[in-house]
Each structure stands twice: as structure tokens, then as C-alpha cells.
């Protein structure tokens, strides 16, 4: 009986692991889609990685974390890693985090006159 309980508990924990992984990553509901930000600034850094790209910009005297789209989507829509190198001035259009954290989810990148829709 004890072994059965142990197996059942282990199976339940294993079944719940994907939910913990999803919850550990920020959801889009963390952003205020009613407040559109347009930020024009040089990139302080870029991470071209999964599950999505990220960047940093200094805007309004604060450093902001920038959440981009997955690499495959950005590249399919014409945004390459070379286009978003450190120091490159870009215009980012997106939404700020609802909790006031200096982070934005980017919907659109404008660089060298080219607009790339990320979502």
C-alpha cells in the first residue's frame, strides 16, 4: 500500500512539472496592453536566444529590459541578429509590465526605416 501511494504521489508531481515551468516564465498578462510605449534608444545589450530574444535600453533615465519574440519568428519576419547589435539605435513599440518593473514586451521594432512586426 505504501509503495502504491509513493508511486501515485510521484506520478502526480511529474504530471505537474510542466505547469511549474510555464508559471516560472512570465506570461503576457503581466503587461499592460492599454499603455503603448514608443522607445527610441540605442541598444545597451542584446541576447539572441530562446525562448525569446531580450535586450536592454536606457530610457527616461532608467535601464529597461526588453522582451522580444522567439528567434525563429523574428528571422522569418526579417529581423536578424546583425540588425540589433549593441549600440544600434532602434525604435521599440510595446507594452510595459503592469507591476511597474522597467520591462517592456515589444510588438514592433523599427530599425533603419524598416518596421518588423513581432507578434
C-alpha atoms as a PDB file:
ATOM      1  CA  UNK A   1       0.000   0.000   0.000  1.00  0.00           C
ATOM      2  CA  UNK A   2       2.780   2.423   0.908  1.00  0.00           C
ATOM      3  CA  UNK A   3       4.609   1.720  -2.377  1.00  0.00           C
ATOM      4  CA  UNK A   4       1.394   2.420  -4.323  1.00  0.00           C
ATOM      5  CA  UNK A   5       0.929   5.732  -2.533  1.00  0.00           C
ATOM      6  CA  UNK A   6       4.540   6.673  -3.230  1.00  0.00           C
ATOM      7  CA  UNK A   7       4.139   5.844  -6.955  1.00  0.00           C
ATOM      8  CA  UNK A   8       0.879   7.784  -7.161  1.00  0.00           C
ATOM      9  CA  UNK A   9       2.439  10.810  -5.468  1.00  0.00           C
ATOM     10  CA  UNK A  10       5.471  10.647  -7.765  1.00  0.00           C
ATOM     11  CA  UNK A  11       3.223  10.430 -10.832  1.00  0.00           C
ATOM     12  CA  UNK A  12       1.206  13.445  -9.650  1.00  0.00           C
ATOM     13  CA  UNK A  13       4.352  15.517  -9.094  1.00  0.00           C
ATOM     14  CA  UNK A  14       5.716  14.564 -12.526  1.00  0.00           C
ATOM     15  CA  UNK A  15       2.416  15.463 -14.164  1.00  0.00           C
ATOM     16  CA  UNK A  16       2.519  18.916 -12.549  1.00  0.00           C
ATOM     17  CA  UNK A  17       6.115  19.796 -13.559  1.00  0.00           C
ATOM     18  CA  UNK A  18       5.153  21.354 -16.937  1.00  0.00           C
ATOM     19  CA  UNK A  19       2.771  23.717 -15.116  1.00  0.00           C
ATOM     20  CA  UNK A  20       5.605  24.920 -12.878  1.00  0.00           C
ATOM     21  CA  UNK A  21       7.850  25.529 -15.885  1.00  0.00           C
ATOM     22  CA  UNK A  22       5.168  27.595 -17.609  1.00  0.00           C
ATOM     23  CA  UNK A  23       4.426  29.608 -14.475  1.00  0.00           C
ATOM     24  CA  UNK A  24       8.107  30.296 -13.884  1.00  0.00           C
ATOM     25  CA  UNK A  25       8.222  32.123 -17.208  1.00  0.00           C
ATOM     26  CA  UNK A  26       6.403  35.438 -17.382  1.00  0.00           C
ATOM     27  CA  UNK A  27       3.051  35.413 -19.127  1.00  0.00           C
ATOM     28  CA  UNK A  28       1.798  38.096 -21.458  1.00  0.00           C
ATOM     29  CA  UNK A  29      -0.872  39.011 -18.914  1.00  0.00           C
ATOM     30  CA  UNK A  30       1.933  40.660 -16.894  1.00  0.00           C
ATOM     31  CA  UNK A  31       1.939  43.544 -19.389  1.00  0.00           C
ATOM     32  CA  UNK A  32      -0.453  46.489 -19.668  1.00  0.00           C
ATOM     33  CA  UNK A  33      -1.724  46.366 -23.259  1.00  0.00           C
ATOM     34  CA  UNK A  34      -3.656  49.616 -22.704  1.00  0.00           C
ATOM     35  CA  UNK A  35      -0.437  51.595 -22.302  1.00  0.00           C
ATOM     36  CA  UNK A  36       1.596  51.641 -25.521  1.00  0.00           C
ATOM     37  CA  UNK A  37       5.226  52.738 -25.153  1.00  0.00           C
ATOM     38  CA  UNK A  38       7.347  54.005 -28.025  1.00  0.00           C
ATOM     39  CA  UNK A  39      11.000  53.978 -27.072  1.00  0.00           C
ATOM     40  CA  UNK A  40      13.799  55.249 -29.318  1.00  0.00           C
ATOM     41  CA  UNK A  41      17.167  54.418 -27.835  1.00  0.00           C
ATOM     42  CA  UNK A  42      20.472  52.682 -28.534  1.00  0.00           C
ATOM     43  CA  UNK A  43      20.616  49.038 -27.502  1.00  0.00           C
ATOM     44  CA  UNK A  44      22.827  48.513 -24.452  1.00  0.00           C
ATOM     45  CA  UNK A  45      22.869  44.761 -24.989  1.00  0.00           C
ATOM     46  CA  UNK A  46      21.094  42.005 -26.898  1.00  0.00           C
ATOM     47  CA  UNK A  47      20.571  38.310 -26.115  1.00  0.00           C
ATOM     48  CA  UNK A  48      19.639  36.395 -29.261  1.00  0.00           C
ATOM     49  CA  UNK A  49      18.412  33.245 -27.512  1.00  0.00           C
ATOM     50  CA  UNK A  50      15.431  31.093 -26.660  1.00  0.00           C
ATOM     51  CA  UNK A  51      12.675  31.047 -25.553  1.00  0.00           C
ATOM     52  CA  UNK A  52      12.781  34.608 -26.968  1.00  0.00           C
ATOM     53  CA  UNK A  53      15.290  37.343 -27.568  1.00  0.00           C
ATOM     54  CA  UNK A  54      15.920  40.029 -24.987  1.00  0.00           C
ATOM     55  CA  UNK A  55      17.657  43.379 -24.959  1.00  0.00           C
ATOM     56  CA  UNK A  56      18.400  46.318 -22.690  1.00  0.00           C
ATOM     57  CA  UNK A  57      17.926  50.020 -23.360  1.00  0.00           C
ATOM     58  CA  UNK A  58      18.328  53.137 -21.276  1.00  0.00           C
ATOM     59  CA  UNK A  59      15.162  55.219 -21.493  1.00  0.00           C
ATOM     60  CA  UNK A  60      13.863  58.009 -19.265  1.00  0.00           C
ATOM     61  CA  UNK A  61      16.954  57.725 -17.030  1.00  0.00           C
ATOM     62  CA  UNK A  62      16.300  54.040 -16.297  1.00  0.00           C
ATOM     63  CA  UNK A  63      17.547  50.771 -17.737  1.00  0.00           C
ATOM     64  CA  UNK A  64      14.713  48.766 -19.281  1.00  0.00           C
ATOM     65  CA  UNK A  65      14.598  45.054 -20.039  1.00  0.00           C
ATOM     66  CA  UNK A  66      13.139  44.430 -23.484  1.00  0.00           C
ATOM     67  CA  UNK A  67      11.321  41.176 -24.255  1.00  0.00           C
ATOM     68  CA  UNK A  68      11.419  40.318 -27.953  1.00  0.00           C
ATOM     69  CA  UNK A  69       9.838  37.436 -29.904  1.00  0.00           C
ATOM     70  CA  UNK A  70      11.240  33.936 -30.447  1.00  0.00           C
ATOM     71  CA  UNK A  71      14.247  33.971 -32.781  1.00  0.00           C
ATOM     72  CA  UNK A  72      12.526  31.891 -35.461  1.00  0.00           C
ATOM     73  CA  UNK A  73       9.650  34.392 -35.664  1.00  0.00           C
ATOM     74  CA  UNK A  74      11.949  37.436 -35.758  1.00  0.00           C
ATOM     75  CA  UNK A  75      14.072  35.953 -38.513  1.00  0.00           C
ATOM     76  CA  UNK A  76      11.017  34.829 -40.502  1.00  0.00           C
ATOM     77  CA  UNK A  77       9.751  38.421 -40.392  1.00  0.00           C
ATOM     78  CA  UNK A  78      13.067  39.914 -41.454  1.00  0.00           C
ATOM     79  CA  UNK A  79      14.781  40.878 -38.179  1.00  0.00           C
ATOM     80  CA  UNK A  80      18.263  39.410 -37.896  1.00  0.00           C
ATOM     81  CA  UNK A  81      20.762  39.367 -35.070  1.00  0.00           C
ATOM     82  CA  UNK A  82      23.089  41.621 -37.069  1.00  0.00           C
ATOM     83  CA  UNK A  83      20.390  44.306 -37.276  1.00  0.00           C
ATOM     84  CA  UNK A  84      20.054  44.582 -33.495  1.00  0.00           C
ATOM     85  CA  UNK A  85      23.641  44.776 -32.325  1.00  0.00           C
ATOM     86  CA  UNK A  86      24.776  46.647 -29.213  1.00  0.00           C
ATOM     87  CA  UNK A  87      24.850  50.403 -29.803  1.00  0.00           C
ATOM     88  CA  UNK A  88      22.332  50.284 -32.677  1.00  0.00           C
ATOM     89  CA  UNK A  89      19.568  52.878 -32.222  1.00  0.00           C
ATOM     90  CA  UNK A  90      16.127  51.318 -32.594  1.00  0.00           C
ATOM     91  CA  UNK A  91      12.529  52.323 -32.037  1.00  0.00           C
ATOM     92  CA  UNK A  92      10.607  49.795 -29.943  1.00  0.00           C
ATOM     93  CA  UNK A  93       6.821  49.810 -29.667  1.00  0.00           C
ATOM     94  CA  UNK A  94       5.296  47.670 -26.956  1.00  0.00           C
ATOM     95  CA  UNK A  95       3.735  47.389 -23.531  1.00  0.00           C
ATOM     96  CA  UNK A  96       5.179  47.945 -20.042  1.00  0.00           C
ATOM     97  CA  UNK A  97       4.854  45.473 -17.189  1.00  0.00           C
ATOM     98  CA  UNK A  98       1.781  46.141 -15.089  1.00  0.00           C
ATOM     99  CA  UNK A  99       3.690  46.000 -11.800  1.00  0.00           C
ATOM    100  CA  UNK A 100       5.959  48.962 -12.637  1.00  0.00           C
ATOM    101  CA  UNK A 101       9.063  46.873 -13.331  1.00  0.00           C
ATOM    102  CA  UNK A 102      11.178  48.552 -16.024  1.00  0.00           C
ATOM    103  CA  UNK A 103      10.434  45.908 -18.636  1.00  0.00           C
ATOM    104  CA  UNK A 104       8.522  46.011 -21.891  1.00  0.00           C
ATOM    105  CA  UNK A 105       7.108  43.399 -24.254  1.00  0.00           C
ATOM    106  CA  UNK A 106       7.898  44.575 -27.768  1.00  0.00           C
ATOM    107  CA  UNK A 107       5.325  44.285 -30.542  1.00  0.00           C
ATOM    108  CA  UNK A 108       7.220  46.187 -33.231  1.00  0.00           C
ATOM    109  CA  UNK A 109      10.852  47.073 -33.972  1.00  0.00           C
ATOM    110  CA  UNK A 110      11.725  49.939 -36.312  1.00  0.00           C
ATOM    111  CA  UNK A 111      15.312  49.975 -37.459  1.00  0.00           C
ATOM    112  CA  UNK A 112      16.894  51.850 -40.358  1.00  0.00           C
ATOM    113  CA  UNK A 113      13.420  52.768 -41.632  1.00  0.00           C
ATOM    114  CA  UNK A 114      12.238  49.135 -41.665  1.00  0.00           C
ATOM    115  CA  UNK A 115       9.317  48.065 -39.460  1.00  0.00           C
ATOM    116  CA  UNK A 116       9.208  44.465 -38.217  1.00  0.00           C
ATOM    117  CA  UNK A 117       6.036  43.198 -36.509  1.00  0.00           C
ATOM    118  CA  UNK A 118       6.975  40.684 -33.828  1.00  0.00           C
ATOM    119  CA  UNK A 119       3.561  39.373 -32.740  1.00  0.00           C
END
